Each structure stands twice: as C-alpha cells, then as structure tokens.
Amino acid sequence: MPRVKRGTKRRAYRKKTLARASGFFLTKSKLNRAAQEAVEKAQKYAYVGRRRKKRDFRSLWIIRIGASCRAAQISYSKFISGLKKSGIELNRKILAELAASDQAAFTALVEKAKAAHAQS
C-alpha cells in the first residue's frame, strides 16, 4: 500500500474549520480538534434554528392577530373560521401586518368574518 502524505488537503481542511470557528472562545478558535467540535455543534444549532424560525414567526403572527381580534370583540378562532367561510384567503403573515399597520382594513375583515360566522 502506498504512503499518503495529506499535506495540502489537511491544511485546507484545518484552515476551513478554523475560518468557520473564528470568533469562538479560547481554544475553540485556535486548536483544530476543539474548533471542529465547536463548528459541528454550531452547525447543528443552525440547522435546528432555521426550522424553529418558521414556527416562531407563525406563533408571533397568531399572537398579533389574536390581540387585534380581542380588541375587535371576536375570538381568534371565530375570526379565522369566518374568513374561511367568507372565502377570504389571506395568510397569517399578511393578517398580522394588517392588524399592526392598517387598522381600518383589519376592522373591515373582522366585520366580514363576523357576518360569515353568524350565518352558519
């Protein structure tokens, strides 16, 4: 079996790892083994975080819509149900934006939702 000297490949691997670990604390940014472990853990957190972000934003939008609905004397579930029955297909991101910035438009949606909910 021939001898393999991994000079340039090993150096490039370490350099990439240390570049990713720049800014980490103490040996985690200086020594390859510690840096590699820290980078792997950071990448796991980043992967999970990208999925959590979607959950967190959806829950934030629901909280904002719910607060505006309570101010308009309707529950969140009745509001969403009324919108679906009246055929208005706006997602929660847009509804939350309307609730925060355009109160008149949100009030009009609430009235339509109340009317549709009362009919059924």
PDB file of N, CA and C in Angstrom:
ATOM      1  N   MET A   1       0.840  -1.180   0.000  1.00  0.00           N
ATOM      2  CA  MET A   1       0.000   0.000   0.000  1.00  0.00           C
ATOM      3  C   MET A   1       0.888   1.247   0.000  1.00  0.00           C
ATOM      4  N   PRO A   2       0.634   2.209  -0.877  1.00  0.00           N
ATOM      5  CA  PRO A   2       1.493   3.388  -0.935  1.00  0.00           C
ATOM      6  C   PRO A   2       1.234   4.327   0.234  1.00  0.00           C
ATOM      7  N   ARG A   3       2.266   5.043   0.580  1.00  0.00           N
ATOM      8  CA  ARG A   3       2.171   6.001   1.671  1.00  0.00           C
ATOM      9  C   ARG A   3       1.477   7.268   1.178  1.00  0.00           C
ATOM     10  N   VAL A   4       0.572   7.800   2.014  1.00  0.00           N
ATOM     11  CA  VAL A   4      -0.160   9.007   1.644  1.00  0.00           C
ATOM     12  C   VAL A   4       0.233  10.125   2.598  1.00  0.00           C
ATOM     13  N   LYS A   5       0.740  11.205   2.031  1.00  0.00           N
ATOM     14  CA  LYS A   5       1.017  12.409   2.823  1.00  0.00           C
ATOM     15  C   LYS A   5      -0.057  13.432   2.463  1.00  0.00           C
ATOM     16  N   ARG A   6      -0.844  13.834   3.468  1.00  0.00           N
ATOM     17  CA  ARG A   6      -2.006  14.662   3.171  1.00  0.00           C
ATOM     18  C   ARG A   6      -1.734  16.138   3.394  1.00  0.00           C
ATOM     19  N   GLY A   7      -0.602  16.621   2.939  1.00  0.00           N
ATOM     20  CA  GLY A   7      -0.182  17.995   3.222  1.00  0.00           C
ATOM     21  C   GLY A   7      -1.200  19.055   2.861  1.00  0.00           C
ATOM     22  N   THR A   8      -1.461  19.251   1.580  1.00  0.00           N
ATOM     23  CA  THR A   8      -2.318  20.366   1.181  1.00  0.00           C
ATOM     24  C   THR A   8      -3.777  20.129   1.558  1.00  0.00           C
ATOM     25  N   LYS A   9      -4.248  18.894   1.439  1.00  0.00           N
ATOM     26  CA  LYS A   9      -5.643  18.605   1.778  1.00  0.00           C
ATOM     27  C   LYS A   9      -5.896  18.839   3.264  1.00  0.00           C
ATOM     28  N   ARG A  10      -4.989  18.353   4.096  1.00  0.00           N
ATOM     29  CA  ARG A  10      -5.151  18.509   5.535  1.00  0.00           C
ATOM     30  C   ARG A  10      -5.097  19.981   5.926  1.00  0.00           C
ATOM     31  N   ARG A  11      -4.179  20.707   5.321  1.00  0.00           N
ATOM     32  CA  ARG A  11      -4.042  22.124   5.635  1.00  0.00           C
ATOM     33  C   ARG A  11      -5.312  22.886   5.231  1.00  0.00           C
ATOM     34  N   ALA A  12      -5.848  22.565   4.064  1.00  0.00           N
ATOM     35  CA  ALA A  12      -7.068  23.236   3.602  1.00  0.00           C
ATOM     36  C   ALA A  12      -8.249  22.915   4.521  1.00  0.00           C
ATOM     37  N   TYR A  13      -8.332  21.650   4.968  1.00  0.00           N
ATOM     38  CA  TYR A  13      -9.410  21.227   5.872  1.00  0.00           C
ATOM     39  C   TYR A  13      -9.332  21.994   7.195  1.00  0.00           C
ATOM     40  N   ARG A  14      -8.128  22.082   7.739  1.00  0.00           N
ATOM     41  CA  ARG A  14      -7.959  22.793   9.013  1.00  0.00           C
ATOM     42  C   ARG A  14      -8.234  24.281   8.847  1.00  0.00           C
ATOM     43  N   LYS A  15      -7.756  24.830   7.739  1.00  0.00           N
ATOM     44  CA  LYS A  15      -7.942  26.260   7.504  1.00  0.00           C
ATOM     45  C   LYS A  15      -9.430  26.597   7.397  1.00  0.00           C
ATOM     46  N   LYS A  16     -10.180  25.750   6.712  1.00  0.00           N
ATOM     47  CA  LYS A  16     -11.619  25.961   6.568  1.00  0.00           C
ATOM     48  C   LYS A  16     -12.316  25.870   7.926  1.00  0.00           C
ATOM     49  N   THR A  17     -11.938  24.874   8.722  1.00  0.00           N
ATOM     50  CA  THR A  17     -12.533  24.708  10.054  1.00  0.00           C
ATOM     51  C   THR A  17     -12.229  25.916  10.932  1.00  0.00           C
ATOM     52  N   LEU A  18     -10.981  26.360  10.941  1.00  0.00           N
ATOM     53  CA  LEU A  18     -10.599  27.490  11.789  1.00  0.00           C
ATOM     54  C   LEU A  18     -11.238  28.788  11.302  1.00  0.00           C
ATOM     55  N   ALA A  19     -11.446  28.902  10.007  1.00  0.00           N
ATOM     56  CA  ALA A  19     -12.125  30.094   9.498  1.00  0.00           C
ATOM     57  C   ALA A  19     -13.578  30.123   9.973  1.00  0.00           C
ATOM     58  N   ARG A  20     -14.224  28.962   9.966  1.00  0.00           N
ATOM     59  CA  ARG A  20     -15.602  28.890  10.461  1.00  0.00           C
ATOM     60  C   ARG A  20     -15.681  29.154  11.953  1.00  0.00           C
ATOM     61  N   ALA A  21     -14.605  28.826  12.681  1.00  0.00           N
ATOM     62  CA  ALA A  21     -14.606  28.965  14.140  1.00  0.00           C
ATOM     63  C   ALA A  21     -14.045  30.305  14.592  1.00  0.00           C
ATOM     64  N   SER A  22     -13.747  31.195  13.670  1.00  0.00           N
ATOM     65  CA  SER A  22     -13.190  32.479  14.096  1.00  0.00           C
ATOM     66  C   SER A  22     -14.241  33.224  14.910  1.00  0.00           C
ATOM     67  N   GLY A  23     -13.829  33.767  16.029  1.00  0.00           N
ATOM     68  CA  GLY A  23     -14.749  34.440  16.926  1.00  0.00           C
ATOM     69  C   GLY A  23     -15.218  33.554  18.061  1.00  0.00           C
ATOM     70  N   PHE A  24     -14.924  32.266  18.014  1.00  0.00           N
ATOM     71  CA  PHE A  24     -15.273  31.386  19.124  1.00  0.00           C
ATOM     72  C   PHE A  24     -14.310  31.636  20.276  1.00  0.00           C
ATOM     73  N   PHE A  25     -14.667  31.161  21.471  1.00  0.00           N
ATOM     74  CA  PHE A  25     -13.931  31.483  22.694  1.00  0.00           C
ATOM     75  C   PHE A  25     -12.734  30.564  22.901  1.00  0.00           C
ATOM     76  N   LEU A  26     -11.605  31.158  23.246  1.00  0.00           N
ATOM     77  CA  LEU A  26     -10.362  30.477  23.620  1.00  0.00           C
ATOM     78  C   LEU A  26      -9.934  29.422  22.601  1.00  0.00           C
ATOM     79  N   THR A  27      -9.722  28.166  23.027  1.00  0.00           N
ATOM     80  CA  THR A  27      -9.148  27.166  22.130  1.00  0.00           C
ATOM     81  C   THR A  27     -10.102  26.766  21.012  1.00  0.00           C
ATOM     82  N   LYS A  28     -11.389  27.083  21.178  1.00  0.00           N
ATOM     83  CA  LYS A  28     -12.345  26.716  20.133  1.00  0.00           C
ATOM     84  C   LYS A  28     -12.096  27.465  18.829  1.00  0.00           C
ATOM     85  N   SER A  29     -11.327  28.542  18.902  1.00  0.00           N
ATOM     86  CA  SER A  29     -10.989  29.257  17.674  1.00  0.00           C
ATOM     87  C   SER A  29      -9.522  29.069  17.285  1.00  0.00           C
ATOM     88  N   LYS A  30      -8.765  28.302  18.088  1.00  0.00           N
ATOM     89  CA  LYS A  30      -7.321  28.180  17.839  1.00  0.00           C
ATOM     90  C   LYS A  30      -6.893  26.748  17.487  1.00  0.00           C
ATOM     91  N   LEU A  31      -7.422  25.772  18.201  1.00  0.00           N
ATOM     92  CA  LEU A  31      -6.984  24.393  18.019  1.00  0.00           C
ATOM     93  C   LEU A  31      -7.980  23.626  17.152  1.00  0.00           C
ATOM     94  N   ASN A  32      -7.435  22.827  16.260  1.00  0.00           N
ATOM     95  CA  ASN A  32      -8.285  22.194  15.244  1.00  0.00           C
ATOM     96  C   ASN A  32      -9.340  21.281  15.850  1.00  0.00           C
ATOM     97  N   ARG A  33      -8.977  20.421  16.783  1.00  0.00           N
ATOM     98  CA  ARG A  33      -9.937  19.462  17.324  1.00  0.00           C
ATOM     99  C   ARG A  33     -11.084  20.183  18.031  1.00  0.00           C
ATOM    100  N   ALA A  34     -10.730  21.125  18.899  1.00  0.00           N
ATOM    101  CA  ALA A  34     -11.761  21.865  19.629  1.00  0.00           C
ATOM    102  C   ALA A  34     -12.610  22.696  18.666  1.00  0.00           C
ATOM    103  N   ALA A  35     -11.956  23.270  17.672  1.00  0.00           N
ATOM    104  CA  ALA A  35     -12.682  24.081  16.693  1.00  0.00           C
ATOM    105  C   ALA A  35     -13.634  23.214  15.879  1.00  0.00           C
ATOM    106  N   GLN A  36     -13.186  22.027  15.492  1.00  0.00           N
ATOM    107  CA  GLN A  36     -14.028  21.132  14.695  1.00  0.00           C
ATOM    108  C   GLN A  36     -15.285  20.733  15.475  1.00  0.00           C
ATOM    109  N   GLU A  37     -15.114  20.404  16.757  1.00  0.00           N
ATOM    110  CA  GLU A  37     -16.263  20.030  17.589  1.00  0.00           C
ATOM    111  C   GLU A  37     -17.226  21.205  17.753  1.00  0.00           C
ATOM    112  N   ALA A  38     -16.654  22.402  17.969  1.00  0.00           N
ATOM    113  CA  ALA A  38     -17.491  23.582  18.152  1.00  0.00           C
ATOM    114  C   ALA A  38     -18.248  23.934  16.876  1.00  0.00           C
ATOM    115  N   VAL A  39     -17.585  23.796  15.738  1.00  0.00           N
ATOM    116  CA  VAL A  39     -18.218  24.101  14.453  1.00  0.00           C
ATOM    117  C   VAL A  39     -19.341  23.105  14.168  1.00  0.00           C
ATOM    118  N   GLU A  40     -19.108  21.821  14.439  1.00  0.00           N
ATOM    119  CA  GLU A  40     -20.156  20.818  14.226  1.00  0.00           C
ATOM    120  C   GLU A  40     -21.372  21.098  15.090  1.00  0.00           C
ATOM    121  N   LYS A  41     -21.134  21.464  16.343  1.00  0.00           N
ATOM    122  CA  LYS A  41     -22.243  21.766  17.244  1.00  0.00           C
ATOM    123  C   LYS A  41     -22.983  23.020  16.773  1.00  0.00           C
ATOM    124  N   ALA A  42     -22.222  24.013  16.331  1.00  0.00           N
ATOM    125  CA  ALA A  42     -22.843  25.250  15.845  1.00  0.00           C
ATOM    126  C   ALA A  42     -23.689  24.976  14.604  1.00  0.00           C
ATOM    127  N   GLN A  43     -23.214  24.093  13.738  1.00  0.00           N
ATOM    128  CA  GLN A  43     -23.985  23.772  12.536  1.00  0.00           C
ATOM    129  C   GLN A  43     -25.268  23.024  12.870  1.00  0.00           C
ATOM    130  N   LYS A  44     -25.226  22.193  13.902  1.00  0.00           N
ATOM    131  CA  LYS A  44     -26.448  21.516  14.342  1.00  0.00           C
ATOM    132  C   LYS A  44     -27.469  22.527  14.851  1.00  0.00           C
ATOM    133  N   TYR A  45     -26.992  23.484  15.681  1.00  0.00           N
ATOM    134  CA  TYR A  45     -27.884  24.515  16.193  1.00  0.00           C
ATOM    135  C   TYR A  45     -28.446  25.363  15.059  1.00  0.00           C
ATOM    136  N   ALA A  46     -27.626  25.662  14.064  1.00  0.00           N
ATOM    137  CA  ALA A  46     -28.078  26.477  12.938  1.00  0.00           C
ATOM    138  C   ALA A  46     -29.156  25.750  12.142  1.00  0.00           C
ATOM    139  N   TYR A  47     -28.979  24.459  11.946  1.00  0.00           N
ATOM    140  CA  TYR A  47     -29.950  23.654  11.198  1.00  0.00           C
ATOM    141  C   TYR A  47     -31.295  23.645  11.923  1.00  0.00           C
ATOM    142  N   VAL A  48     -31.230  23.400  13.225  1.00  0.00           N
ATOM    143  CA  VAL A  48     -32.454  23.377  14.028  1.00  0.00           C
ATOM    144  C   VAL A  48     -33.082  24.767  14.052  1.00  0.00           C
ATOM    145  N   GLY A  49     -32.248  25.790  14.158  1.00  0.00           N
ATOM    146  CA  GLY A  49     -32.737  27.160  14.235  1.00  0.00           C
ATOM    147  C   GLY A  49     -33.477  27.601  12.992  1.00  0.00           C
ATOM    148  N   ARG A  50     -33.027  27.140  11.834  1.00  0.00           N
ATOM    149  CA  ARG A  50     -33.711  27.500  10.596  1.00  0.00           C
ATOM    150  C   ARG A  50     -35.115  26.934  10.561  1.00  0.00           C
ATOM    151  N   ARG A  51     -35.342  25.809  11.194  1.00  0.00           N
ATOM    152  CA  ARG A  51     -36.681  25.238  11.263  1.00  0.00           C
ATOM    153  C   ARG A  51     -37.516  25.890  12.367  1.00  0.00           C
ATOM    154  N   ARG A  52     -36.867  26.207  13.489  1.00  0.00           N
ATOM    155  CA  ARG A  52     -37.569  26.862  14.604  1.00  0.00           C
ATOM    156  C   ARG A  52     -38.077  28.239  14.199  1.00  0.00           C
ATOM    157  N   LYS A  53     -37.302  28.913  13.362  1.00  0.00           N
ATOM    158  CA  LYS A  53     -37.657  30.275  12.951  1.00  0.00           C
ATOM    159  C   LYS A  53     -39.049  30.318  12.325  1.00  0.00           C
ATOM    160  N   LYS A  54     -39.365  29.322  11.531  1.00  0.00           N
ATOM    161  CA  LYS A  54     -40.671  29.263  10.879  1.00  0.00           C
ATOM    162  C   LYS A  54     -41.790  29.118  11.914  1.00  0.00           C
ATOM    163  N   ARG A  55     -41.555  28.255  12.915  1.00  0.00           N
ATOM    164  CA  ARG A  55     -42.533  28.079  13.997  1.00  0.00           C
ATOM    165  C   ARG A  55     -42.716  29.366  14.781  1.00  0.00           C
ATOM    166  N   ASP A  56     -41.568  29.993  15.127  1.00  0.00           N
ATOM    167  CA  ASP A  56     -41.609  31.182  15.974  1.00  0.00           C
ATOM    168  C   ASP A  56     -42.350  32.328  15.292  1.00  0.00           C
ATOM    169  N   PHE A  57     -42.097  32.515  14.002  1.00  0.00           N
ATOM    170  CA  PHE A  57     -42.780  33.597  13.299  1.00  0.00           C
ATOM    171  C   PHE A  57     -44.277  33.329  13.190  1.00  0.00           C
ATOM    172  N   ARG A  58     -44.646  32.088  12.906  1.00  0.00           N
ATOM    173  CA  ARG A  58     -46.078  31.779  12.812  1.00  0.00           C
ATOM    174  C   ARG A  58     -46.774  32.050  14.144  1.00  0.00           C
ATOM    175  N   SER A  59     -46.153  31.659  15.254  1.00  0.00           N
ATOM    176  CA  SER A  59     -46.778  31.899  16.554  1.00  0.00           C
ATOM    177  C   SER A  59     -46.848  33.397  16.866  1.00  0.00           C
ATOM    178  N   LEU A  60     -45.834  34.154  16.431  1.00  0.00           N
ATOM    179  CA  LEU A  60     -45.862  35.606  16.625  1.00  0.00           C
ATOM    180  C   LEU A  60     -47.017  36.235  15.855  1.00  0.00           C
ATOM    181  N   TRP A  61     -47.202  35.794  14.597  1.00  0.00           N
ATOM    182  CA  TRP A  61     -48.314  36.326  13.802  1.00  0.00           C
ATOM    183  C   TRP A  61     -49.646  36.006  14.452  1.00  0.00           C
ATOM    184  N   ILE A  62     -49.791  34.789  14.963  1.00  0.00           N
ATOM    185  CA  ILE A  62     -51.054  34.395  15.601  1.00  0.00           C
ATOM    186  C   ILE A  62     -51.316  35.234  16.845  1.00  0.00           C
ATOM    187  N   ILE A  63     -50.270  35.526  17.608  1.00  0.00           N
ATOM    188  CA  ILE A  63     -50.423  36.364  18.808  1.00  0.00           C
ATOM    189  C   ILE A  63     -50.877  37.766  18.419  1.00  0.00           C
ATOM    190  N   ARG A  64     -50.281  38.321  17.374  1.00  0.00           N
ATOM    191  CA  ARG A  64     -50.649  39.674  16.929  1.00  0.00           C
ATOM    192  C   ARG A  64     -52.085  39.723  16.419  1.00  0.00           C
ATOM    193  N   ILE A  65     -52.458  38.717  15.636  1.00  0.00           N
ATOM    194  CA  ILE A  65     -53.835  38.675  15.114  1.00  0.00           C
ATOM    195  C   ILE A  65     -54.813  38.508  16.266  1.00  0.00           C
ATOM    196  N   GLY A  66     -54.482  37.613  17.210  1.00  0.00           N
ATOM    197  CA  GLY A  66     -55.350  37.374  18.356  1.00  0.00           C
ATOM    198  C   GLY A  66     -55.564  38.615  19.199  1.00  0.00           C
ATOM    199  N   ALA A  67     -54.508  39.411  19.382  1.00  0.00           N
ATOM    200  CA  ALA A  67     -54.628  40.643  20.175  1.00  0.00           C
ATOM    201  C   ALA A  67     -55.553  41.633  19.477  1.00  0.00           C
ATOM    202  N   SER A  68     -55.411  41.756  18.172  1.00  0.00           N
ATOM    203  CA  SER A  68     -56.283  42.676  17.429  1.00  0.00           C
ATOM    204  C   SER A  68     -57.722  42.169  17.393  1.00  0.00           C
ATOM    205  N   CYS A  69     -57.879  40.863  17.334  1.00  0.00           N
ATOM    206  CA  CYS A  69     -59.230  40.295  17.352  1.00  0.00           C
ATOM    207  C   CYS A  69     -59.923  40.556  18.687  1.00  0.00           C
ATOM    208  N   ARG A  70     -59.194  40.381  19.773  1.00  0.00           N
ATOM    209  CA  ARG A  70     -59.778  40.647  21.087  1.00  0.00           C
ATOM    210  C   ARG A  70     -60.198  42.103  21.224  1.00  0.00           C
ATOM    211  N   ALA A  71     -59.389  43.011  20.634  1.00  0.00           N
ATOM    212  CA  ALA A  71     -59.753  44.434  20.657  1.00  0.00           C
ATOM    213  C   ALA A  71     -61.015  44.691  19.846  1.00  0.00           C
ATOM    214  N   ALA A  72     -61.282  43.835  18.848  1.00  0.00           N
ATOM    215  CA  ALA A  72     -62.470  43.983  17.999  1.00  0.00           C
ATOM    216  C   ALA A  72     -63.620  43.091  18.465  1.00  0.00           C
ATOM    217  N   GLN A  73     -63.546  42.563  19.663  1.00  0.00           N
ATOM    218  CA  GLN A  73     -64.616  41.770  20.273  1.00  0.00           C
ATOM    219  C   GLN A  73     -64.933  40.473  19.523  1.00  0.00           C
ATOM    220  N   ILE A  74     -63.901  39.781  19.058  1.00  0.00           N
ATOM    221  CA  ILE A  74     -64.091  38.476  18.415  1.00  0.00           C
ATOM    222  C   ILE A  74     -62.893  37.606  18.798  1.00  0.00           C
ATOM    223  N   SER A  75     -63.128  36.312  18.919  1.00  0.00           N
ATOM    224  CA  SER A  75     -62.017  35.425  19.247  1.00  0.00           C
ATOM    225  C   SER A  75     -61.223  35.108  17.981  1.00  0.00           C
ATOM    226  N   TYR A  76     -59.988  34.696  18.174  1.00  0.00           N
ATOM    227  CA  TYR A  76     -59.121  34.371  17.039  1.00  0.00           C
ATOM    228  C   TYR A  76     -59.720  33.248  16.204  1.00  0.00           C
ATOM    229  N   SER A  77     -60.210  32.200  16.863  1.00  0.00           N
ATOM    230  CA  SER A  77     -60.717  31.041  16.124  1.00  0.00           C
ATOM    231  C   SER A  77     -61.966  31.404  15.326  1.00  0.00           C
ATOM    232  N   LYS A  78     -62.843  32.220  15.896  1.00  0.00           N
ATOM    233  CA  LYS A  78     -64.036  32.647  15.165  1.00  0.00           C
ATOM    234  C   LYS A  78     -63.668  33.548  13.987  1.00  0.00           C
ATOM    235  N   PHE A  79     -62.654  34.348  14.179  1.00  0.00           N
ATOM    236  CA  PHE A  79     -62.189  35.234  13.102  1.00  0.00           C
ATOM    237  C   PHE A  79     -61.654  34.423  11.925  1.00  0.00           C
ATOM    238  N   ILE A  80     -60.761  33.472  12.202  1.00  0.00           N
ATOM    239  CA  ILE A  80     -60.180  32.641  11.136  1.00  0.00           C
ATOM    240  C   ILE A  80     -61.272  31.807  10.463  1.00  0.00           C
ATOM    241  N   SER A  81     -62.186  31.260  11.274  1.00  0.00           N
ATOM    242  CA  SER A  81     -63.286  30.471  10.726  1.00  0.00           C
ATOM    243  C   SER A  81     -64.174  31.325   9.829  1.00  0.00           C
ATOM    244  N   GLY A  82     -64.473  32.537  10.267  1.00  0.00           N
ATOM    245  CA  GLY A  82     -65.302  33.444   9.471  1.00  0.00           C
ATOM    246  C   GLY A  82     -64.641  33.837   8.163  1.00  0.00           C
ATOM    247  N   LEU A  83     -63.322  34.052   8.201  1.00  0.00           N
ATOM    248  CA  LEU A  83     -62.602  34.389   6.967  1.00  0.00           C
ATOM    249  C   LEU A  83     -62.670  33.237   5.971  1.00  0.00           C
ATOM    250  N   LYS A  84     -62.501  32.015   6.468  1.00  0.00           N
ATOM    251  CA  LYS A  84     -62.547  30.857   5.578  1.00  0.00           C
ATOM    252  C   LYS A  84     -63.939  30.689   4.973  1.00  0.00           C
ATOM    253  N   LYS A  85     -64.977  30.884   5.788  1.00  0.00           N
ATOM    254  CA  LYS A  85     -66.344  30.741   5.297  1.00  0.00           C
ATOM    255  C   LYS A  85     -66.711  31.827   4.278  1.00  0.00           C
ATOM    256  N   SER A  86     -66.138  33.024   4.450  1.00  0.00           N
ATOM    257  CA  SER A  86     -66.431  34.109   3.508  1.00  0.00           C
ATOM    258  C   SER A  86     -65.541  34.060   2.275  1.00  0.00           C
ATOM    259  N   GLY A  87     -64.608  33.103   2.219  1.00  0.00           N
ATOM    260  CA  GLY A  87     -63.783  32.918   1.028  1.00  0.00           C
ATOM    261  C   GLY A  87     -62.583  33.839   0.940  1.00  0.00           C
ATOM    262  N   ILE A  88     -62.209  34.443   2.042  1.00  0.00           N
ATOM    263  CA  ILE A  88     -61.033  35.327   2.059  1.00  0.00           C
ATOM    264  C   ILE A  88     -59.818  34.479   2.403  1.00  0.00           C
ATOM    265  N   GLU A  89     -58.874  34.405   1.479  1.00  0.00           N
ATOM    266  CA  GLU A  89     -57.696  33.562   1.672  1.00  0.00           C
ATOM    267  C   GLU A  89     -56.454  34.431   1.867  1.00  0.00           C
ATOM    268  N   LEU A  90     -56.313  34.970   3.053  1.00  0.00           N
ATOM    269  CA  LEU A  90     -55.100  35.721   3.420  1.00  0.00           C
ATOM    270  C   LEU A  90     -54.333  34.895   4.438  1.00  0.00           C
ATOM    271  N   ASN A  91     -53.027  34.833   4.274  1.00  0.00           N
ATOM    272  CA  ASN A  91     -52.246  34.057   5.244  1.00  0.00           C
ATOM    273  C   ASN A  91     -52.013  34.872   6.514  1.00  0.00           C
ATOM    274  N   ARG A  92     -51.507  34.222   7.527  1.00  0.00           N
ATOM    275  CA  ARG A  92     -51.365  34.853   8.830  1.00  0.00           C
ATOM    276  C   ARG A  92     -50.331  35.975   8.832  1.00  0.00           C
ATOM    277  N   LYS A  93     -49.342  35.865   7.973  1.00  0.00           N
ATOM    278  CA  LYS A  93     -48.326  36.922   7.880  1.00  0.00           C
ATOM    279  C   LYS A  93     -48.969  38.235   7.432  1.00  0.00           C
ATOM    280  N   ILE A  94     -49.794  38.168   6.412  1.00  0.00           N
ATOM    281  CA  ILE A  94     -50.465  39.357   5.899  1.00  0.00           C
ATOM    282  C   ILE A  94     -51.483  39.877   6.912  1.00  0.00           C
ATOM    283  N   LEU A  95     -52.218  38.970   7.534  1.00  0.00           N
ATOM    284  CA  LEU A  95     -53.200  39.383   8.538  1.00  0.00           C
ATOM    285  C   LEU A  95     -52.534  40.106   9.703  1.00  0.00           C
ATOM    286  N   ALA A  96     -51.375  39.593  10.136  1.00  0.00           N
ATOM    287  CA  ALA A  96     -50.657  40.233  11.236  1.00  0.00           C
ATOM    288  C   ALA A  96     -50.165  41.614  10.829  1.00  0.00           C
ATOM    289  N   GLU A  97     -49.706  41.742   9.583  1.00  0.00           N
ATOM    290  CA  GLU A  97     -49.251  43.044   9.085  1.00  0.00           C
ATOM    291  C   GLU A  97     -50.407  44.040   9.041  1.00  0.00           C
ATOM    292  N   LEU A  98     -51.577  43.579   8.571  1.00  0.00           N
ATOM    293  CA  LEU A  98     -52.757  44.445   8.553  1.00  0.00           C
ATOM    294  C   LEU A  98     -53.172  44.841   9.970  1.00  0.00           C
ATOM    295  N   ALA A  99     -53.123  43.888  10.876  1.00  0.00           N
ATOM    296  CA  ALA A  99     -53.519  44.165  12.262  1.00  0.00           C
ATOM    297  C   ALA A  99     -52.616  45.217  12.890  1.00  0.00           C
ATOM    298  N   ALA A 100     -51.326  45.184  12.536  1.00  0.00           N
ATOM    299  CA  ALA A 100     -50.378  46.117  13.141  1.00  0.00           C
ATOM    300  C   ALA A 100     -50.389  47.486  12.466  1.00  0.00           C
ATOM    301  N   SER A 101     -50.529  47.506  11.129  1.00  0.00           N
ATOM    302  CA  SER A 101     -50.310  48.772  10.424  1.00  0.00           C
ATOM    303  C   SER A 101     -51.583  49.417   9.873  1.00  0.00           C
ATOM    304  N   ASP A 102     -52.558  48.628   9.439  1.00  0.00           N
ATOM    305  CA  ASP A 102     -53.756  49.172   8.792  1.00  0.00           C
ATOM    306  C   ASP A 102     -54.995  48.713   9.556  1.00  0.00           C
ATOM    307  N   GLN A 103     -55.352  49.472  10.591  1.00  0.00           N
ATOM    308  CA  GLN A 103     -56.450  49.067  11.472  1.00  0.00           C
ATOM    309  C   GLN A 103     -57.801  49.092  10.750  1.00  0.00           C
ATOM    310  N   ALA A 104     -57.970  50.022   9.813  1.00  0.00           N
ATOM    311  CA  ALA A 104     -59.251  50.117   9.104  1.00  0.00           C
ATOM    312  C   ALA A 104     -59.499  48.871   8.253  1.00  0.00           C
ATOM    313  N   ALA A 105     -58.474  48.420   7.549  1.00  0.00           N
ATOM    314  CA  ALA A 105     -58.616  47.221   6.716  1.00  0.00           C
ATOM    315  C   ALA A 105     -58.872  45.998   7.583  1.00  0.00           C
ATOM    316  N   PHE A 106     -58.193  45.926   8.719  1.00  0.00           N
ATOM    317  CA  PHE A 106     -58.393  44.783   9.607  1.00  0.00           C
ATOM    318  C   PHE A 106     -59.815  44.787  10.176  1.00  0.00           C
ATOM    319  N   THR A 107     -60.315  45.964  10.505  1.00  0.00           N
ATOM    320  CA  THR A 107     -61.683  46.064  11.022  1.00  0.00           C
ATOM    321  C   THR A 107     -62.696  45.608   9.973  1.00  0.00           C
ATOM    322  N   ALA A 108     -62.440  45.954   8.708  1.00  0.00           N
ATOM    323  CA  ALA A 108     -63.334  45.505   7.632  1.00  0.00           C
ATOM    324  C   ALA A 108     -63.323  43.984   7.518  1.00  0.00           C
ATOM    325  N   LEU A 109     -62.138  43.381   7.658  1.00  0.00           N
ATOM    326  CA  LEU A 109     -62.040  41.920   7.633  1.00  0.00           C
ATOM    327  C   LEU A 109     -62.789  41.297   8.811  1.00  0.00           C
ATOM    328  N   VAL A 110     -62.688  41.935   9.965  1.00  0.00           N
ATOM    329  CA  VAL A 110     -63.380  41.429  11.156  1.00  0.00           C
ATOM    330  C   VAL A 110     -64.889  41.449  10.928  1.00  0.00           C
ATOM    331  N   GLU A 111     -65.391  42.526  10.340  1.00  0.00           N
ATOM    332  CA  GLU A 111     -66.831  42.619  10.087  1.00  0.00           C
ATOM    333  C   GLU A 111     -67.305  41.524   9.119  1.00  0.00           C
ATOM    334  N   LYS A 112     -66.505  41.275   8.065  1.00  0.00           N
ATOM    335  CA  LYS A 112     -66.857  40.204   7.120  1.00  0.00           C
ATOM    336  C   LYS A 112     -66.818  38.841   7.808  1.00  0.00           C
ATOM    337  N   ALA A 113     -65.827  38.644   8.667  1.00  0.00           N
ATOM    338  CA  ALA A 113     -65.702  37.372   9.376  1.00  0.00           C
ATOM    339  C   ALA A 113     -66.863  37.172  10.344  1.00  0.00           C
ATOM    340  N   LYS A 114     -67.265  38.242  11.035  1.00  0.00           N
ATOM    341  CA  LYS A 114     -68.393  38.147  11.949  1.00  0.00           C
ATOM    342  C   LYS A 114     -69.683  37.810  11.205  1.00  0.00           C
ATOM    343  N   ALA A 115     -69.875  38.457  10.044  1.00  0.00           N
ATOM    344  CA  ALA A 115     -71.082  38.206   9.261  1.00  0.00           C
ATOM    345  C   ALA A 115     -71.111  36.761   8.751  1.00  0.00           C
ATOM    346  N   ALA A 116     -69.996  36.277   8.266  1.00  0.00           N
ATOM    347  CA  ALA A 116     -69.932  34.902   7.758  1.00  0.00           C
ATOM    348  C   ALA A 116     -70.100  33.887   8.886  1.00  0.00           C
ATOM    349  N   HIS A 117     -69.561  34.215  10.055  1.00  0.00           N
ATOM    350  CA  HIS A 117     -69.671  33.291  11.190  1.00  0.00           C
ATOM    351  C   HIS A 117     -71.106  33.268  11.723  1.00  0.00           C
ATOM    352  N   ALA A 118     -71.789  34.413  11.670  1.00  0.00           N
ATOM    353  CA  ALA A 118     -73.154  34.488  12.167  1.00  0.00           C
ATOM    354  C   ALA A 118     -74.133  33.729  11.261  1.00  0.00           C
ATOM    355  N   GLN A 119     -73.833  33.660   9.962  1.00  0.00           N
ATOM    356  CA  GLN A 119     -74.729  32.977   9.028  1.00  0.00           C
ATOM    357  C   GLN A 119     -74.745  31.465   9.241  1.00  0.00           C
ATOM    358  N   SER A 120     -73.615  30.908   9.626  1.00  0.00           N
ATOM    359  CA  SER A 120     -73.553  29.440   9.755  1.00  0.00           C
ATOM    360  C   SER A 120     -74.024  28.937  11.096  1.00  0.00           C
TER     361      SER A 120
END
